Amino acid sequence: MVFNSAKDVIQMDDKDAGKIIGKGILIVPSNVGLGIIKDSYVTFTATIDVKDNKFRCILSDFYHDGFVDNPEPGKGGYLYQEKPDGGLSKKWWQRLKDNTKVSAEEFLSSFDIAMKKTNSGDNF
């Protein structure tokens, strides 16, 4: 998980409504064939709602934004697309989608744990 500066990440912060919307990047491993694994940048939107001492985090708008070692060529586009942009194979595209789902679930799990931790020195 990668976050740039707070200015780049936070798209909306409305304390009264209990809503934060931000952008993030997952670094997702993907098998491009012949046993070659390349890490991909997958950007997403996170919407966090807080209400009545409960919270919810929804991840959406997953977008393959290139490869870590060379982000310019090979952008696959939005993961909801059936076929990737940039001449990438459909088989690889499905693997990237599957791996992104696993990475997103891991992120949500760690977010859930962090949100449920209590800090005895903090009254927030």
Protein backbone atom coordinates (compact mmCIF):
# COMPACT_ATOMS: atom_id res chain seq x y z
CA MET A 1 0.00 0.00 0.00
CA VAL A 2 1.35 3.39 -0.99
CA PHE A 3 0.04 6.80 -0.10
CA ASN A 4 1.55 10.00 -1.39
CA SER A 5 1.29 13.28 0.52
CA ALA A 6 -1.97 14.04 2.36
CA LYS A 7 -2.77 16.70 -0.26
CA ASP A 8 -2.56 14.06 -3.00
CA VAL A 9 -4.48 11.43 -1.04
CA ILE A 10 -7.47 13.17 0.57
CA GLN A 11 -10.13 14.14 -1.96
CA MET A 12 -12.84 15.00 0.60
CA ASP A 13 -12.79 15.37 4.38
CA ASP A 14 -16.14 16.28 5.93
CA LYS A 15 -15.98 15.84 9.70
CA ASP A 16 -19.65 16.83 10.19
CA ALA A 17 -20.83 14.19 7.70
CA GLY A 18 -18.30 11.65 9.01
CA LYS A 19 -16.89 11.03 5.55
CA ILE A 20 -13.38 10.87 4.11
CA ILE A 21 -12.66 10.06 0.48
CA GLY A 22 -9.09 9.41 -0.58
CA LYS A 23 -6.92 7.91 -3.28
CA GLY A 24 -4.45 5.09 -2.71
CA ILE A 25 -2.19 2.75 -4.60
CA LEU A 26 -1.83 -1.00 -4.15
CA ILE A 27 1.34 -2.67 -5.37
CA VAL A 28 0.02 -5.95 -6.75
CA PRO A 29 2.20 -8.83 -7.95
CA SER A 30 1.16 -10.27 -11.27
CA ASN A 31 2.45 -13.20 -13.30
CA VAL A 32 3.04 -11.89 -16.82
CA GLY A 33 3.95 -15.35 -18.17
CA LEU A 34 6.89 -17.74 -18.27
CA GLY A 35 7.14 -17.50 -14.49
CA ILE A 36 7.92 -13.77 -14.64
CA ILE A 37 6.34 -11.80 -11.80
CA LYS A 38 6.02 -8.03 -12.20
CA ASP A 39 4.56 -5.71 -9.60
CA SER A 40 1.76 -3.48 -10.84
CA TYR A 41 0.42 -0.17 -9.59
CA VAL A 42 -3.32 -0.38 -9.00
CA THR A 43 -4.90 2.89 -7.91
CA PHE A 44 -8.22 2.99 -6.05
CA THR A 45 -10.63 5.26 -4.22
CA ALA A 46 -11.31 4.66 -0.51
CA THR A 47 -14.52 6.01 1.01
CA ILE A 48 -14.61 5.94 4.81
CA ASP A 49 -17.84 6.66 6.67
CA VAL A 50 -18.01 7.04 10.45
CA LYS A 51 -21.30 7.18 12.35
CA ASP A 52 -22.50 6.19 15.84
CA ASN A 53 -19.12 4.68 16.83
CA LYS A 54 -19.16 2.48 13.71
CA PHE A 55 -17.17 2.74 10.51
CA ARG A 56 -17.25 1.45 6.98
CA CYS A 57 -14.53 1.51 4.32
CA ILE A 58 -15.43 0.95 0.68
CA LEU A 59 -12.76 0.54 -2.00
CA SER A 60 -13.69 1.29 -5.61
CA ASP A 61 -12.44 2.52 -8.97
CA PHE A 62 -9.53 0.07 -9.23
CA TYR A 63 -7.27 1.08 -12.13
CA HIS A 64 -4.14 -0.67 -13.42
CA ASP A 65 -1.73 2.25 -13.75
CA GLY A 66 1.32 0.44 -15.11
CA PHE A 67 4.19 -1.65 -13.79
CA VAL A 68 6.44 -0.66 -10.87
CA ASP A 69 9.62 -1.13 -12.91
CA ASN A 70 8.19 0.80 -15.87
CA PRO A 71 4.88 2.58 -15.16
CA GLU A 72 4.37 4.19 -18.57
CA PRO A 73 3.70 1.32 -21.01
CA GLY A 74 1.11 -1.32 -20.37
CA LYS A 75 -1.58 0.54 -18.47
CA GLY A 76 -4.49 -1.88 -18.38
CA GLY A 77 -7.23 0.55 -17.40
CA TYR A 78 -10.11 0.03 -14.99
CA LEU A 79 -10.32 -3.48 -13.57
CA TYR A 80 -14.08 -3.68 -14.21
CA GLN A 81 -13.27 -3.84 -17.95
CA GLU A 82 -13.52 -7.29 -19.47
CA LYS A 83 -10.43 -6.75 -21.62
CA PRO A 84 -7.37 -4.70 -20.65
CA ASP A 85 -6.09 -1.72 -22.60
CA GLY A 86 -2.50 -1.58 -23.79
CA GLY A 87 -2.29 -4.96 -25.52
CA LEU A 88 -2.09 -6.97 -22.28
CA SER A 89 -3.36 -10.55 -22.35
CA LYS A 90 -6.80 -11.46 -21.06
CA LYS A 91 -5.32 -14.31 -18.99
CA TRP A 92 -2.87 -11.94 -17.31
CA TRP A 93 -5.71 -9.44 -16.78
CA GLN A 94 -7.76 -12.01 -14.86
CA ARG A 95 -4.76 -12.90 -12.66
CA LEU A 96 -4.22 -9.21 -11.91
CA LYS A 97 -7.89 -8.85 -10.95
CA ASP A 98 -7.66 -11.89 -8.65
CA ASN A 99 -4.45 -10.63 -7.02
CA THR A 100 -5.91 -7.14 -6.62
CA LYS A 101 -8.90 -8.63 -4.80
CA VAL A 102 -6.56 -10.41 -2.37
CA SER A 103 -4.50 -7.22 -1.82
CA ALA A 104 -7.65 -5.14 -1.27
CA GLU A 105 -9.01 -7.67 1.25
CA GLU A 106 -5.67 -7.58 3.12
CA PHE A 107 -5.83 -3.78 3.17
CA LEU A 108 -9.39 -3.80 4.51
CA SER A 109 -8.46 -6.35 7.17
CA SER A 110 -5.52 -4.27 8.39
CA PHE A 111 -7.69 -1.13 8.27
CA ASP A 112 -10.34 -2.88 10.37
CA ILE A 113 -7.73 -3.94 12.97
CA ALA A 114 -6.24 -0.44 13.12
CA MET A 115 -9.65 1.20 13.53
CA LYS A 116 -10.64 -1.16 16.36
CA LYS A 117 -7.48 -0.62 18.38
CA THR A 118 -7.98 1.54 21.42
CA ASN A 119 -5.38 4.01 22.52
CA SER A 120 -5.78 4.68 26.24
CA GLY A 121 -3.92 8.00 25.94
CA ASP A 122 -6.19 9.35 23.21
CA ASN A 123 -9.74 10.54 23.95
CA PHE A 124 -10.68 10.82 20.28
